[in-house]
Every structure is written in C-alpha cells, then in structure tokens.
C-alpha cells in the first residue's frame, strides 16, 4: 500500500522546529564532467519536453508555406547538447513524459483525449485509457507504473474558488488532478478541489493549492496541509524531500525560476530570469531543465540546464 503522505511533507513536519536556509550540502550532486550551465541548440518552436537519463526529448513542428503544421519532429538532445532527429510524427502530445524508453502522452483521438504510450526504439504504440472531459493539459509526470496528469476538465470550468478574490493572485480555470495506473488504465481523481501545481518525488505526489485560509502544500488525498506564502505559481519540482524550484505566476517574480523550502520562514531566492513559466520544468540527477526566451531577437525559445549545487545557493543570489 502506498504511503499517503508525500515524503516532502513528512520531512517538513519533522523539521518544523528548524529555520536553516537551503544548504548546498543538501543539493543532489550531478556529473562533474558536465557544464554547470548549458543552452541547447535551437530546433524550432519547442513546446513541452521531457528528460530521461540526462537526455532531453522535445517536439518541434514543421510548417508548410501557408504556416500550417504538417508534422512534428521528435528530437533527442544528449547531455552535451548534441541533437539527434529520432522520428517524424503526424502529431505531438500536449504533454508527455519518458520512462524506461517509453513515451507517455496525451493525444487527441476520435473526438476526445487519450493517454497513449509509444516505445521510442520499436515504434510500438497503444492507448492506455480515455481522458474523458479534459479540454487542456498542464503537466504529466510518470513514475514507475503511475502517471499523474493535471488538466482542465469541462465539468469544472466556470467554477471559481470563493476565496480567489481574497487571495488576489489566484484564478481557478477548471484544473483537475488525476493519477492513472499504467498497467490497468484505472483513473483516480485527487481529493484536492483546486489544484494549482504538483510534483512527484520518489513516487509521492505533492500538490500546491489554496483555500479560504490561503495557499498551502498537501498530498494527493488532501489529508495534510502545510501553509506557505509563495502565492501563485505555475509549476514546481522537488529536488530534495523538502526543497523545490518553482516558476512564479504573478507580480515581480513572473518569468523567474526561484528556489524555496516547505518551511515558510526560510523564504525564497531567485535562480534564473527570463523563463517561460508555463512549459517544462524538470529536475533530474542534480540538474534543473527549463525553457527560456531566445538570446537573439526573433529567435526560437531554448531549452537550458543548470547544475543545482551551483545555482541554488544558501544566500539569495540572482543569476541572469
């Protein structure tokens, strides 16, 4: 039976008497032979991407002379930034993740969305389950035999949290969080009524949400509440049980990657500016991967990677 409380929540309650800031020694070390910061080559207008074993998988559309998308190319970018063209595909999933060489993604099929699987090496593919009622997807994460998906559901559109005006920065658009058993296709909906973002750490799903008392972290079952004051965010990823990076969703912090802990008193620190907050934030093997605007005028957005132990500091430090 799976533990009901996410690992980061359990750790935070045990450490509630401590007030130390993020310490470099707690940041998972990465391969010392790799660059501390890497900007991958541009390969068109990249949407969502996924990371496995240091390799970045990303889709880029191909356009005809009229500007219509004719197909998508799946690229694999290795840990040094070199690109390999893997497949030409008719369509690209709205969100996807890679696990053990299999891509899991949301595809539109015969009038509704489905969760599909695709073996990158053999081209074998199939539908796991139908995602009835979903209209849009924000994030998909796979760990072992489970996928977690956050998306906008038609049954929840038009519903607004009664506390949204009070919080000011929060707006609910009909998001629903579910988990899917990849072996059986069984879907379980989270008990969190107004999920904003989620992260999976070692198989445990942590959720960021809000109620009449403000923003807080909880688990998939919404059984434990841990209040926080980082306000609205678009995405967050845990890199240790109680430490995370996140993309801010409002105010002066919009377009930044920031770092924080589940202990409210620790505060937050800036890490990277000029970031596309809505698409793609991955933490793996001591590195954080993200999308940012091009360094050149009119250029395409770029995927970048930074070493956590170098860019996430104990003392607040803003690195552009």
Protein backbone atom coordinates (compact mmCIF):
# COMPACT_ATOMS: atom_id res chain seq x y z
CA UNK A 1 0.00 0.00 0.00
CA UNK A 2 1.36 3.39 -0.98
CA UNK A 3 2.17 5.90 1.73
CA UNK A 4 -0.50 8.54 1.88
CA UNK A 5 1.72 11.41 2.90
CA UNK A 6 4.26 12.70 0.41
CA UNK A 7 7.84 12.34 1.55
CA UNK A 8 8.48 16.05 1.49
CA UNK A 9 5.51 16.73 3.76
CA UNK A 10 6.64 14.18 6.30
CA UNK A 11 10.12 15.65 6.34
CA UNK A 12 8.77 19.17 6.73
CA UNK A 13 6.74 18.29 9.84
CA UNK A 14 9.77 16.66 11.45
CA UNK A 15 11.86 19.72 10.69
CA UNK A 16 9.31 22.33 11.67
CA UNK A 17 11.48 23.47 14.57
CA UNK A 18 14.41 24.30 12.29
CA UNK A 19 14.92 27.54 10.39
CA UNK A 20 18.12 26.94 8.42
CA UNK A 21 18.09 28.19 4.84
CA UNK A 22 18.71 25.95 1.85
CA UNK A 23 22.17 24.46 2.22
CA UNK A 24 24.38 23.42 -0.67
CA UNK A 25 25.20 20.12 1.03
CA UNK A 26 21.56 19.05 0.68
CA UNK A 27 21.51 19.58 -3.09
CA UNK A 28 21.90 16.33 -5.01
CA UNK A 29 25.25 16.26 -6.80
CA UNK A 30 25.43 15.83 -10.56
CA UNK A 31 28.02 14.60 -13.04
CA UNK A 32 31.11 16.78 -12.50
CA UNK A 33 32.18 16.41 -16.15
CA UNK A 34 29.16 18.33 -17.45
CA UNK A 35 28.90 22.11 -17.82
CA UNK A 36 27.28 23.96 -14.92
CA UNK A 37 25.01 25.74 -17.41
CA UNK A 38 24.06 24.64 -20.92
CA UNK A 39 21.84 26.19 -23.58
CA UNK A 40 20.75 23.59 -26.11
CA UNK A 41 20.70 24.34 -29.83
CA UNK A 42 17.50 25.81 -31.24
CA UNK A 43 15.31 23.33 -33.10
CA UNK A 44 12.18 25.25 -33.94
CA UNK A 45 9.29 26.29 -31.72
CA UNK A 46 9.59 23.73 -28.94
CA UNK A 47 6.58 23.12 -26.74
CA UNK A 48 6.70 20.60 -23.93
CA UNK A 49 9.74 18.41 -23.37
CA UNK A 50 10.81 15.53 -21.15
CA UNK A 51 14.09 14.32 -19.63
CA UNK A 52 15.38 10.81 -19.01
CA UNK A 53 18.92 9.76 -18.06
CA UNK A 54 20.32 13.18 -18.93
CA UNK A 55 18.75 13.20 -22.40
CA UNK A 56 16.16 15.80 -23.40
CA UNK A 57 13.31 14.74 -25.66
CA UNK A 58 11.42 17.55 -27.41
CA UNK A 59 8.98 18.03 -30.29
CA UNK A 60 9.31 20.76 -32.91
CA UNK A 61 6.64 21.43 -35.58
CA UNK A 62 7.27 21.62 -39.32
CA UNK A 63 5.28 24.25 -41.24
CA UNK A 64 4.25 24.50 -44.90
CA UNK A 65 4.36 27.69 -46.95
CA UNK A 66 0.96 28.75 -45.59
CA UNK A 67 2.06 28.43 -41.99
CA UNK A 68 0.13 25.24 -41.28
CA UNK A 69 1.77 22.46 -39.27
CA UNK A 70 2.38 19.42 -41.45
CA UNK A 71 4.24 17.17 -39.00
CA UNK A 72 6.35 17.13 -35.85
CA UNK A 73 9.94 16.04 -35.34
CA UNK A 74 10.94 14.29 -32.13
CA UNK A 75 14.49 15.27 -31.16
CA UNK A 76 16.81 13.74 -28.60
CA UNK A 77 19.41 16.13 -27.14
CA UNK A 78 22.23 14.43 -25.28
CA UNK A 79 23.83 15.66 -22.05
CA UNK A 80 26.37 17.74 -24.02
CA UNK A 81 23.73 19.40 -26.22
CA UNK A 82 24.14 17.40 -29.43
CA UNK A 83 20.86 16.75 -31.22
CA UNK A 84 19.61 13.61 -32.91
CA UNK A 85 16.46 13.52 -35.02
CA UNK A 86 14.51 10.45 -33.89
CA UNK A 87 11.12 10.44 -35.59
CA UNK A 88 8.81 12.38 -37.88
CA UNK A 89 5.29 12.14 -36.43
CA UNK A 90 1.88 13.38 -37.55
CA UNK A 91 1.09 14.94 -34.19
CA UNK A 92 2.75 15.74 -30.89
CA UNK A 93 1.27 15.16 -27.44
CA UNK A 94 0.16 18.21 -25.49
CA UNK A 95 2.18 16.99 -22.51
CA UNK A 96 4.35 13.91 -22.17
CA UNK A 97 6.97 12.15 -20.09
CA UNK A 98 9.58 9.45 -20.77
CA UNK A 99 10.11 6.39 -18.60
CA UNK A 100 12.32 3.39 -19.46
CA UNK A 101 12.38 4.36 -23.13
CA UNK A 102 8.59 4.67 -23.42
CA UNK A 103 6.87 7.96 -24.06
CA UNK A 104 3.54 8.57 -22.32
CA UNK A 105 1.50 11.46 -23.66
CA UNK A 106 -1.94 12.98 -24.15
CA UNK A 107 -3.20 12.61 -27.73
CA UNK A 108 -6.42 13.68 -29.41
CA UNK A 109 -8.17 10.68 -30.94
CA UNK A 110 -11.67 10.43 -32.44
CA UNK A 111 -13.09 13.47 -30.68
CA UNK A 112 -11.55 13.06 -27.22
CA UNK A 113 -8.20 12.92 -25.48
CA UNK A 114 -6.50 9.66 -24.60
CA UNK A 115 -3.37 8.70 -22.68
CA UNK A 116 -1.08 6.86 -25.10
CA UNK A 117 2.21 5.03 -24.84
CA UNK A 118 4.89 4.92 -27.51
CA UNK A 119 8.10 2.89 -27.50
CA UNK A 120 10.78 5.19 -28.91
CA UNK A 121 13.01 2.36 -30.11
CA UNK A 122 10.47 -0.05 -31.62
CA UNK A 123 7.67 2.38 -32.66
CA UNK A 124 5.13 0.18 -30.87
CA UNK A 125 2.24 2.23 -29.52
CA UNK A 126 -1.17 1.92 -27.91
CA UNK A 127 -3.88 3.65 -25.92
CA UNK A 128 -3.88 3.21 -22.13
CA UNK A 129 -7.16 4.95 -21.32
CA UNK A 130 -9.55 7.68 -22.43
CA UNK A 131 -9.29 11.05 -20.69
CA UNK A 132 -12.96 11.95 -20.98
CA UNK A 133 -13.95 15.56 -20.40
CA UNK A 134 -10.45 17.01 -20.44
CA UNK A 135 -10.02 20.07 -22.63
CA UNK A 136 -6.41 21.07 -21.97
CA UNK A 137 -3.37 19.72 -20.15
CA UNK A 138 -0.77 21.43 -17.99
CA UNK A 139 1.56 18.66 -16.89
CA UNK A 140 2.16 14.90 -16.98
CA UNK A 141 4.64 13.01 -14.79
CA UNK A 142 5.38 9.28 -14.82
CA UNK A 143 7.00 7.29 -12.02
CA UNK A 144 7.19 3.51 -12.39
CA UNK A 145 3.62 2.27 -13.11
CA UNK A 146 1.74 5.52 -12.41
CA UNK A 147 1.12 8.71 -14.38
CA UNK A 148 -0.11 11.94 -12.76
CA UNK A 149 -1.89 14.42 -15.01
CA UNK A 150 -3.06 17.98 -14.34
CA UNK A 151 -5.51 19.43 -16.85
CA UNK A 152 -8.65 21.49 -17.35
CA UNK A 153 -11.87 19.47 -17.22
CA UNK A 154 -15.17 20.54 -18.77
CA UNK A 155 -17.13 19.69 -15.61
CA UNK A 156 -15.09 22.21 -13.61
CA UNK A 157 -14.94 25.18 -15.98
CA UNK A 158 -16.86 28.19 -14.72
CA UNK A 159 -16.33 27.13 -11.11
CA UNK A 160 -14.39 29.65 -9.08
CA UNK A 161 -12.99 29.24 -5.61
CA UNK A 162 -14.87 31.53 -3.24
CA UNK A 163 -11.54 32.68 -1.84
CA UNK A 164 -9.97 33.67 -5.19
CA UNK A 165 -10.83 37.36 -4.86
CA UNK A 166 -9.42 37.40 -1.35
CA UNK A 167 -6.09 35.97 -2.45
CA UNK A 168 -5.85 38.34 -5.39
CA UNK A 169 -3.29 36.49 -7.49
CA UNK A 170 -5.19 33.19 -7.77
CA UNK A 171 -7.50 32.20 -10.59
CA UNK A 172 -9.09 28.76 -10.99
CA UNK A 173 -9.73 27.63 -14.57
CA UNK A 174 -11.17 24.16 -14.01
CA UNK A 175 -8.00 22.21 -13.21
CA UNK A 176 -8.35 18.59 -12.11
CA UNK A 177 -5.53 16.32 -10.95
CA UNK A 178 -5.71 12.58 -11.62
CA UNK A 179 -3.47 9.54 -11.40
CA UNK A 180 -3.52 6.69 -13.92
CA UNK A 181 -2.43 3.10 -13.34
CA UNK A 182 -0.37 2.46 -16.48
CA UNK A 183 -0.99 -1.30 -16.31
CA UNK A 184 -4.78 -1.24 -15.96
CA UNK A 185 -5.75 2.25 -17.18
CA UNK A 186 -7.64 2.90 -13.93
CA UNK A 187 -8.08 6.61 -13.18
CA UNK A 188 -8.20 8.09 -9.67
CA UNK A 189 -9.11 11.74 -9.12
CA UNK A 190 -7.28 13.68 -6.44
CA UNK A 191 -9.26 14.89 -3.42
CA UNK A 192 -7.74 18.35 -3.88
CA UNK A 193 -10.57 20.57 -5.15
CA UNK A 194 -8.48 23.38 -6.60
CA UNK A 195 -5.06 22.01 -7.64
CA UNK A 196 -2.62 24.61 -8.92
CA UNK A 197 0.51 22.51 -9.50
CA UNK A 198 2.05 19.21 -8.46
CA UNK A 199 5.39 17.43 -8.24
CA UNK A 200 6.24 13.75 -7.81
CA UNK A 201 9.22 12.87 -5.63
CA UNK A 202 10.19 9.19 -5.37
CA UNK A 203 6.65 8.11 -6.21
CA UNK A 204 4.82 10.50 -3.87
CA UNK A 205 2.68 13.30 -5.29
CA UNK A 206 2.82 16.71 -3.60
CA UNK A 207 0.18 19.28 -4.56
CA UNK A 208 0.12 23.07 -4.31
CA UNK A 209 -3.37 24.53 -3.83
CA UNK A 210 -5.40 27.15 -1.95
CA UNK A 211 -8.45 27.52 0.27
CA UNK A 212 -10.10 30.28 2.29
CA UNK A 213 -7.03 30.47 4.54
CA UNK A 214 -4.52 30.90 1.73
CA UNK A 215 -2.02 28.82 -0.24
CA UNK A 216 -0.68 25.51 1.03
CA UNK A 217 1.02 22.24 0.11
CA UNK A 218 -0.77 18.94 0.57
CA UNK A 219 -0.78 15.34 -0.65
CA UNK A 220 -2.88 13.68 -3.36
CA UNK A 221 -5.60 12.80 -0.82
CA UNK A 222 -5.60 16.36 0.64
CA UNK A 223 -5.10 14.98 4.13
CA UNK A 224 -2.22 17.18 5.28
CA UNK A 225 -1.97 20.96 4.94
CA UNK A 226 1.28 22.92 5.08
CA UNK A 227 0.68 26.65 4.68
CA UNK A 228 3.04 28.69 2.52
CA UNK A 229 3.27 32.27 1.27
CA UNK A 230 4.83 31.98 -2.18
CA UNK A 231 1.41 32.87 -3.63
CA UNK A 232 0.59 31.88 -7.20
CA UNK A 233 3.00 29.66 -9.12
CA UNK A 234 2.84 27.83 -12.44
CA UNK A 235 4.98 24.83 -11.71
CA UNK A 236 7.29 23.37 -9.07
CA UNK A 237 9.68 20.45 -8.87
CA UNK A 238 11.11 18.90 -5.71
CA UNK A 239 14.85 18.21 -5.82
CA UNK A 240 15.00 17.03 -2.21
CA UNK A 241 12.14 15.88 0.08
CA UNK A 242 11.51 19.42 1.41
CA UNK A 243 13.28 21.63 -1.17
CA UNK A 244 11.97 22.73 -4.54
CA UNK A 245 12.42 25.01 -7.53
CA UNK A 246 9.40 26.77 -8.97
CA UNK A 247 8.24 29.18 -11.67
CA UNK A 248 6.40 32.15 -10.24
CA UNK A 249 2.97 33.06 -11.54
CA UNK A 250 2.44 36.68 -10.54
CA UNK A 251 3.94 40.03 -9.67
CA UNK A 252 7.62 40.91 -9.84
CA UNK A 253 8.58 37.24 -9.78
CA UNK A 254 6.79 36.40 -13.04
CA UNK A 255 9.17 34.79 -15.52
CA UNK A 256 11.68 33.60 -12.92
CA UNK A 257 12.84 30.27 -11.63
CA UNK A 258 13.06 30.52 -7.86
CA UNK A 259 14.05 28.18 -5.06
CA UNK A 260 12.45 27.60 -1.68
CA UNK A 261 11.71 25.08 1.03
CA UNK A 262 8.49 23.89 2.60
CA UNK A 263 9.45 25.85 5.73
CA UNK A 264 7.74 29.17 5.26
CA UNK A 265 10.31 31.02 7.41
CA UNK A 266 13.15 30.14 5.00
CA UNK A 267 11.83 32.45 2.31
CA UNK A 268 12.74 32.11 -1.36
CA UNK A 269 15.65 33.06 -3.62
CA UNK A 270 15.94 33.95 -7.30
CA UNK A 271 17.76 31.47 -9.53
CA UNK A 272 17.16 32.31 -13.22
CA UNK A 273 15.31 35.12 -15.05
CA UNK A 274 13.59 35.30 -18.47
CA UNK A 275 11.84 31.94 -18.26
CA UNK A 276 8.71 30.59 -19.94
CA UNK A 277 6.84 29.66 -16.80
CA UNK A 278 4.08 27.58 -18.34
CA UNK A 279 6.01 24.86 -20.16
CA UNK A 280 8.58 22.48 -18.83
CA UNK A 281 10.45 22.36 -15.56
CA UNK A 282 12.37 19.18 -14.81
CA UNK A 283 14.76 18.17 -12.04
CA UNK A 284 16.91 15.10 -12.56
CA UNK A 285 20.29 13.88 -11.29
CA UNK A 286 21.35 17.20 -9.80
CA UNK A 287 20.29 19.40 -12.74
CA UNK A 288 17.23 21.55 -13.47
CA UNK A 289 15.94 21.82 -17.05
CA UNK A 290 13.70 24.64 -18.30
CA UNK A 291 12.61 26.73 -21.29
CA UNK A 292 13.57 30.36 -21.80
CA UNK A 293 13.27 33.06 -24.44
CA UNK A 294 15.96 33.19 -27.12
CA UNK A 295 19.03 35.35 -26.57
CA UNK A 296 18.59 36.72 -30.10
CA UNK A 297 15.77 38.93 -31.37
CA UNK A 298 13.21 36.82 -33.21
CA UNK A 299 14.89 33.58 -32.21
CA UNK A 300 13.08 30.49 -31.02
CA UNK A 301 12.69 29.58 -27.35
CA UNK A 302 15.50 27.47 -25.97
CA UNK A 303 15.90 24.59 -23.53
CA UNK A 304 18.53 25.17 -20.84
CA UNK A 305 20.02 23.23 -17.97
CA UNK A 306 21.79 24.33 -14.79
CA UNK A 307 23.61 22.48 -12.03
CA UNK A 308 21.60 22.77 -8.82
CA UNK A 309 24.61 22.85 -6.50
CA UNK A 310 26.00 25.90 -8.34
CA UNK A 311 22.83 27.88 -8.95
CA UNK A 312 20.75 27.18 -5.85
CA UNK A 313 22.60 28.95 -3.06
CA UNK A 314 22.20 29.33 0.67
CA UNK A 315 22.45 33.09 0.30
CA UNK A 316 19.94 34.72 -2.05
CA UNK A 317 21.65 35.31 -5.37
CA UNK A 318 20.08 36.41 -8.63
CA UNK A 319 21.78 34.91 -11.70
CA UNK A 320 20.59 36.00 -15.14
